[in-house]
Amino acid sequence: MYFFVSSWANGAAREQPSFLAGYELRADNPPRASVGSDRVGMYVDEREGFVEEPREEARLVDAMRRGATMRIEAVSARGTNTAYTFSLSGVTAALRQASELCR
């Protein structure tokens, strides 16, 4: 499993968060990202989870900049509940560098 924050040089995406699981996700119980008290729901596209609203994308990325860890809760297509904790150490520096490189 991976969590990405994508920025594309062509401008098609700017700080777009997404979750990639190693299994198909259950569409009727999509992943949820939590950083501290901030919680953001996602929608499912097979093995990936995306934040639907740009405003919510920005809110999640801002929370990632401020937070220490992020928890992703997901359910596989088979119904298995999963949870992952990601360290957010270095996120601000990485996003700053991506922004500079993707102008």
N, C-alpha and C. Protein backbone atom coordinates (compact mmCIF):
# COMPACT_ATOMS: atom_id res chain seq x y z
N MET A 1 0.83 -1.16 0.00
CA MET A 1 0.00 0.00 0.00
C MET A 1 0.88 1.23 0.00
N TYR A 2 0.37 2.28 -0.65
CA TYR A 2 1.09 3.53 -0.78
C TYR A 2 0.12 4.69 -0.62
N PHE A 3 0.65 5.82 -0.18
CA PHE A 3 -0.12 7.06 -0.18
C PHE A 3 0.69 8.07 -0.95
N PHE A 4 0.06 8.71 -1.93
CA PHE A 4 0.72 9.68 -2.80
C PHE A 4 0.11 11.06 -2.62
N VAL A 5 0.92 12.07 -2.87
CA VAL A 5 0.44 13.43 -3.09
C VAL A 5 1.08 13.85 -4.40
N SER A 6 0.28 13.90 -5.46
CA SER A 6 0.80 14.09 -6.82
C SER A 6 0.68 15.54 -7.28
N SER A 7 1.74 16.00 -7.90
CA SER A 7 1.74 17.28 -8.62
C SER A 7 2.38 17.00 -9.97
N TRP A 8 1.70 17.38 -11.02
CA TRP A 8 2.19 17.11 -12.37
C TRP A 8 2.75 18.38 -12.98
N ALA A 9 3.84 18.27 -13.68
CA ALA A 9 4.48 19.42 -14.32
C ALA A 9 3.55 20.12 -15.30
N ASN A 10 2.63 19.38 -15.94
CA ASN A 10 1.70 20.01 -16.89
C ASN A 10 0.53 20.71 -16.19
N GLY A 11 0.49 20.64 -14.86
CA GLY A 11 -0.55 21.33 -14.10
C GLY A 11 -1.85 20.56 -13.95
N ALA A 12 -1.94 19.37 -14.50
CA ALA A 12 -3.18 18.59 -14.41
C ALA A 12 -3.52 18.22 -12.97
N ALA A 13 -2.52 18.14 -12.11
CA ALA A 13 -2.75 17.83 -10.69
C ALA A 13 -1.79 18.67 -9.86
N ARG A 14 -2.30 19.23 -8.78
CA ARG A 14 -1.50 19.97 -7.81
C ARG A 14 -1.86 19.45 -6.42
N GLU A 15 -0.89 18.81 -5.79
CA GLU A 15 -1.07 18.27 -4.45
C GLU A 15 -2.35 17.46 -4.33
N GLN A 16 -2.46 16.47 -5.21
CA GLN A 16 -3.63 15.58 -5.24
C GLN A 16 -3.32 14.32 -4.43
N PRO A 17 -3.97 14.15 -3.26
CA PRO A 17 -3.72 12.96 -2.44
C PRO A 17 -4.47 11.74 -2.97
N SER A 18 -3.83 10.57 -2.84
CA SER A 18 -4.49 9.32 -3.23
C SER A 18 -3.85 8.16 -2.47
N PHE A 19 -4.63 7.11 -2.33
CA PHE A 19 -4.22 5.89 -1.63
C PHE A 19 -4.24 4.75 -2.63
N LEU A 20 -3.18 3.94 -2.65
CA LEU A 20 -3.11 2.77 -3.52
C LEU A 20 -2.93 1.53 -2.66
N ALA A 21 -3.91 0.65 -2.72
CA ALA A 21 -3.86 -0.60 -1.95
C ALA A 21 -3.34 -1.73 -2.82
N GLY A 22 -2.91 -2.79 -2.19
CA GLY A 22 -2.44 -3.97 -2.90
C GLY A 22 -3.58 -4.94 -3.18
N TYR A 23 -4.80 -4.47 -3.10
CA TYR A 23 -5.98 -5.29 -3.29
C TYR A 23 -7.12 -4.39 -3.73
N GLU A 24 -8.16 -4.98 -4.27
CA GLU A 24 -9.32 -4.20 -4.69
C GLU A 24 -10.07 -3.72 -3.45
N LEU A 25 -10.46 -2.45 -3.50
CA LEU A 25 -11.17 -1.83 -2.38
C LEU A 25 -12.68 -1.98 -2.55
N ARG A 26 -13.35 -1.97 -1.45
CA ARG A 26 -14.82 -2.08 -1.44
C ARG A 26 -15.43 -0.71 -1.69
N ALA A 27 -16.13 -0.56 -2.79
CA ALA A 27 -16.67 0.74 -3.20
C ALA A 27 -17.74 1.27 -2.24
N ASP A 28 -18.50 0.39 -1.61
CA ASP A 28 -19.57 0.85 -0.72
C ASP A 28 -19.06 1.14 0.70
N ASN A 29 -17.78 1.00 0.93
CA ASN A 29 -17.17 1.34 2.22
C ASN A 29 -15.76 1.88 1.93
N PRO A 30 -15.69 3.10 1.34
CA PRO A 30 -14.43 3.62 0.84
C PRO A 30 -13.44 4.00 1.95
N PRO A 31 -12.15 4.15 1.58
CA PRO A 31 -11.12 4.52 2.56
C PRO A 31 -11.41 5.87 3.21
N ARG A 32 -10.86 6.01 4.41
CA ARG A 32 -10.94 7.27 5.16
C ARG A 32 -9.54 7.61 5.65
N ALA A 33 -9.17 8.87 5.50
CA ALA A 33 -7.87 9.34 5.98
C ALA A 33 -8.10 10.18 7.22
N SER A 34 -7.27 9.98 8.25
CA SER A 34 -7.36 10.74 9.49
C SER A 34 -5.98 11.27 9.86
N VAL A 35 -5.93 12.57 10.11
CA VAL A 35 -4.73 13.21 10.64
C VAL A 35 -5.21 14.03 11.83
N GLY A 36 -4.86 13.58 13.03
CA GLY A 36 -5.40 14.23 14.23
C GLY A 36 -6.91 14.14 14.19
N SER A 37 -7.59 15.26 14.39
CA SER A 37 -9.05 15.28 14.38
C SER A 37 -9.63 15.51 12.98
N ASP A 38 -8.77 15.75 11.99
CA ASP A 38 -9.23 15.92 10.60
C ASP A 38 -9.48 14.56 9.97
N ARG A 39 -10.67 14.39 9.39
CA ARG A 39 -11.03 13.14 8.73
C ARG A 39 -11.56 13.47 7.34
N VAL A 40 -11.07 12.73 6.35
CA VAL A 40 -11.48 12.96 4.96
C VAL A 40 -11.84 11.62 4.33
N GLY A 41 -13.03 11.56 3.74
CA GLY A 41 -13.46 10.36 3.03
C GLY A 41 -12.95 10.36 1.60
N MET A 42 -12.93 9.19 1.02
CA MET A 42 -12.45 9.03 -0.35
C MET A 42 -13.48 8.23 -1.15
N TYR A 43 -13.32 8.24 -2.46
CA TYR A 43 -14.10 7.34 -3.30
C TYR A 43 -13.15 6.31 -3.89
N VAL A 44 -13.69 5.20 -4.36
CA VAL A 44 -12.89 4.06 -4.80
C VAL A 44 -12.90 3.94 -6.32
N ASP A 45 -11.74 3.64 -6.85
CA ASP A 45 -11.58 3.24 -8.25
C ASP A 45 -10.68 2.00 -8.23
N GLU A 46 -11.30 0.85 -8.13
CA GLU A 46 -10.64 -0.46 -8.03
C GLU A 46 -9.71 -0.53 -6.82
N ARG A 47 -8.40 -0.35 -7.01
CA ARG A 47 -7.43 -0.45 -5.91
C ARG A 47 -7.02 0.91 -5.35
N GLU A 48 -7.63 1.97 -5.84
CA GLU A 48 -7.22 3.32 -5.43
C GLU A 48 -8.35 4.07 -4.75
N GLY A 49 -7.95 4.95 -3.83
CA GLY A 49 -8.87 5.84 -3.17
C GLY A 49 -8.48 7.27 -3.47
N PHE A 50 -9.45 8.10 -3.84
CA PHE A 50 -9.21 9.50 -4.17
C PHE A 50 -10.16 10.39 -3.38
N VAL A 51 -9.73 11.60 -3.08
CA VAL A 51 -10.58 12.60 -2.45
C VAL A 51 -11.36 13.28 -3.56
N GLU A 52 -12.67 13.38 -3.41
CA GLU A 52 -13.51 13.87 -4.50
C GLU A 52 -13.45 15.37 -4.69
N GLU A 53 -13.52 16.13 -3.62
CA GLU A 53 -13.61 17.59 -3.72
C GLU A 53 -12.23 18.24 -3.58
N PRO A 54 -11.88 19.17 -4.48
CA PRO A 54 -10.59 19.87 -4.36
C PRO A 54 -10.39 20.55 -3.01
N ARG A 55 -11.46 21.08 -2.44
CA ARG A 55 -11.36 21.74 -1.13
C ARG A 55 -10.96 20.73 -0.05
N GLU A 56 -11.50 19.51 -0.15
CA GLU A 56 -11.15 18.45 0.79
C GLU A 56 -9.72 17.94 0.57
N GLU A 57 -9.29 17.92 -0.70
CA GLU A 57 -7.89 17.57 -0.99
C GLU A 57 -6.95 18.53 -0.27
N ALA A 58 -7.23 19.82 -0.42
CA ALA A 58 -6.39 20.86 0.21
C ALA A 58 -6.43 20.74 1.72
N ARG A 59 -7.59 20.44 2.28
CA ARG A 59 -7.73 20.30 3.73
C ARG A 59 -6.90 19.12 4.24
N LEU A 60 -6.91 18.00 3.51
CA LEU A 60 -6.12 16.84 3.90
C LEU A 60 -4.63 17.14 3.80
N VAL A 61 -4.19 17.73 2.71
CA VAL A 61 -2.77 18.04 2.55
C VAL A 61 -2.31 19.03 3.62
N ASP A 62 -3.13 20.02 3.94
CA ASP A 62 -2.77 20.96 5.03
C ASP A 62 -2.64 20.22 6.36
N ALA A 63 -3.55 19.30 6.63
CA ALA A 63 -3.47 18.51 7.86
C ALA A 63 -2.21 17.65 7.86
N MET A 64 -1.84 17.12 6.71
CA MET A 64 -0.62 16.32 6.61
C MET A 64 0.61 17.16 6.93
N ARG A 65 0.62 18.41 6.49
CA ARG A 65 1.74 19.31 6.78
C ARG A 65 1.87 19.55 8.29
N ARG A 66 0.76 19.65 8.98
CA ARG A 66 0.75 19.95 10.42
C ARG A 66 0.91 18.71 11.30
N GLY A 67 0.53 17.55 10.78
CA GLY A 67 0.46 16.35 11.60
C GLY A 67 1.75 15.56 11.67
N ALA A 68 1.73 14.58 12.56
CA ALA A 68 2.88 13.67 12.73
C ALA A 68 2.63 12.32 12.07
N THR A 69 1.37 11.87 12.11
CA THR A 69 1.01 10.59 11.48
C THR A 69 -0.35 10.72 10.80
N MET A 70 -0.58 9.85 9.84
CA MET A 70 -1.86 9.77 9.16
C MET A 70 -2.30 8.32 9.20
N ARG A 71 -3.57 8.10 9.46
CA ARG A 71 -4.13 6.75 9.49
C ARG A 71 -5.11 6.62 8.33
N ILE A 72 -4.97 5.53 7.58
CA ILE A 72 -5.90 5.21 6.50
C ILE A 72 -6.63 3.94 6.89
N GLU A 73 -7.94 4.00 6.89
CA GLU A 73 -8.77 2.83 7.14
C GLU A 73 -9.47 2.47 5.84
N ALA A 74 -9.41 1.21 5.48
CA ALA A 74 -10.00 0.75 4.23
C ALA A 74 -10.60 -0.64 4.43
N VAL A 75 -11.44 -1.04 3.48
CA VAL A 75 -12.05 -2.37 3.49
C VAL A 75 -11.81 -2.99 2.12
N SER A 76 -11.30 -4.20 2.11
CA SER A 76 -11.05 -4.89 0.84
C SER A 76 -12.38 -5.33 0.22
N ALA A 77 -12.33 -5.65 -1.05
CA ALA A 77 -13.53 -6.14 -1.75
C ALA A 77 -14.05 -7.41 -1.10
N ARG A 78 -13.18 -8.17 -0.43
CA ARG A 78 -13.59 -9.39 0.28
C ARG A 78 -14.20 -9.09 1.65
N GLY A 79 -14.11 -7.83 2.08
CA GLY A 79 -14.69 -7.45 3.36
C GLY A 79 -13.72 -7.39 4.52
N THR A 80 -12.43 -7.49 4.25
CA THR A 80 -11.42 -7.42 5.32
C THR A 80 -11.15 -5.97 5.69
N ASN A 81 -11.31 -5.64 6.97
CA ASN A 81 -10.99 -4.30 7.46
C ASN A 81 -9.47 -4.16 7.61
N THR A 82 -8.95 -3.06 7.11
CA THR A 82 -7.52 -2.80 7.21
C THR A 82 -7.29 -1.39 7.71
N ALA A 83 -6.13 -1.15 8.31
CA ALA A 83 -5.75 0.19 8.76
C ALA A 83 -4.23 0.31 8.64
N TYR A 84 -3.80 1.46 8.18
CA TYR A 84 -2.38 1.73 7.99
C TYR A 84 -2.04 3.07 8.61
N THR A 85 -0.87 3.16 9.20
CA THR A 85 -0.39 4.42 9.76
C THR A 85 0.85 4.85 9.00
N PHE A 86 0.82 6.07 8.51
CA PHE A 86 1.93 6.64 7.75
C PHE A 86 2.58 7.76 8.55
N SER A 87 3.90 7.78 8.61
CA SER A 87 4.62 8.91 9.20
C SER A 87 4.53 10.09 8.24
N LEU A 88 4.36 11.27 8.79
CA LEU A 88 4.29 12.48 7.97
C LEU A 88 5.58 13.30 8.08
N SER A 89 6.58 12.71 8.68
CA SER A 89 7.88 13.38 8.81
C SER A 89 8.44 13.67 7.41
N GLY A 90 8.77 14.91 7.14
CA GLY A 90 9.34 15.29 5.85
C GLY A 90 8.34 15.64 4.78
N VAL A 91 7.04 15.57 5.08
CA VAL A 91 6.02 15.85 4.06
C VAL A 91 6.11 17.30 3.57
N THR A 92 6.26 18.25 4.47
CA THR A 92 6.31 19.65 4.07
C THR A 92 7.48 19.91 3.12
N ALA A 93 8.65 19.41 3.45
CA ALA A 93 9.82 19.60 2.59
C ALA A 93 9.62 18.92 1.24
N ALA A 94 9.06 17.73 1.22
CA ALA A 94 8.83 17.01 -0.03
C ALA A 94 7.83 17.74 -0.92
N LEU A 95 6.76 18.26 -0.32
CA LEU A 95 5.76 19.00 -1.10
C LEU A 95 6.34 20.31 -1.63
N ARG A 96 7.17 20.95 -0.84
CA ARG A 96 7.82 22.18 -1.28
C ARG A 96 8.72 21.89 -2.49
N GLN A 97 9.50 20.83 -2.43
CA GLN A 97 10.38 20.48 -3.54
C GLN A 97 9.57 20.10 -4.78
N ALA A 98 8.51 19.34 -4.61
CA ALA A 98 7.67 18.97 -5.75
C ALA A 98 7.07 20.21 -6.39
N SER A 99 6.65 21.17 -5.58
CA SER A 99 6.09 22.41 -6.10
C SER A 99 7.11 23.17 -6.94
N GLU A 100 8.34 23.20 -6.47
CA GLU A 100 9.40 23.89 -7.21
C GLU A 100 9.72 23.19 -8.53
N LEU A 101 9.71 21.86 -8.52
CA LEU A 101 10.06 21.10 -9.71
C LEU A 101 8.93 21.03 -10.74
N CYS A 102 7.70 21.22 -10.28
CA CYS A 102 6.54 21.07 -11.16
C CYS A 102 5.89 22.41 -11.48
N ARG A 103 6.69 23.39 -11.75
CA ARG A 103 6.16 24.73 -12.12
C ARG A 103 5.83 24.79 -13.57
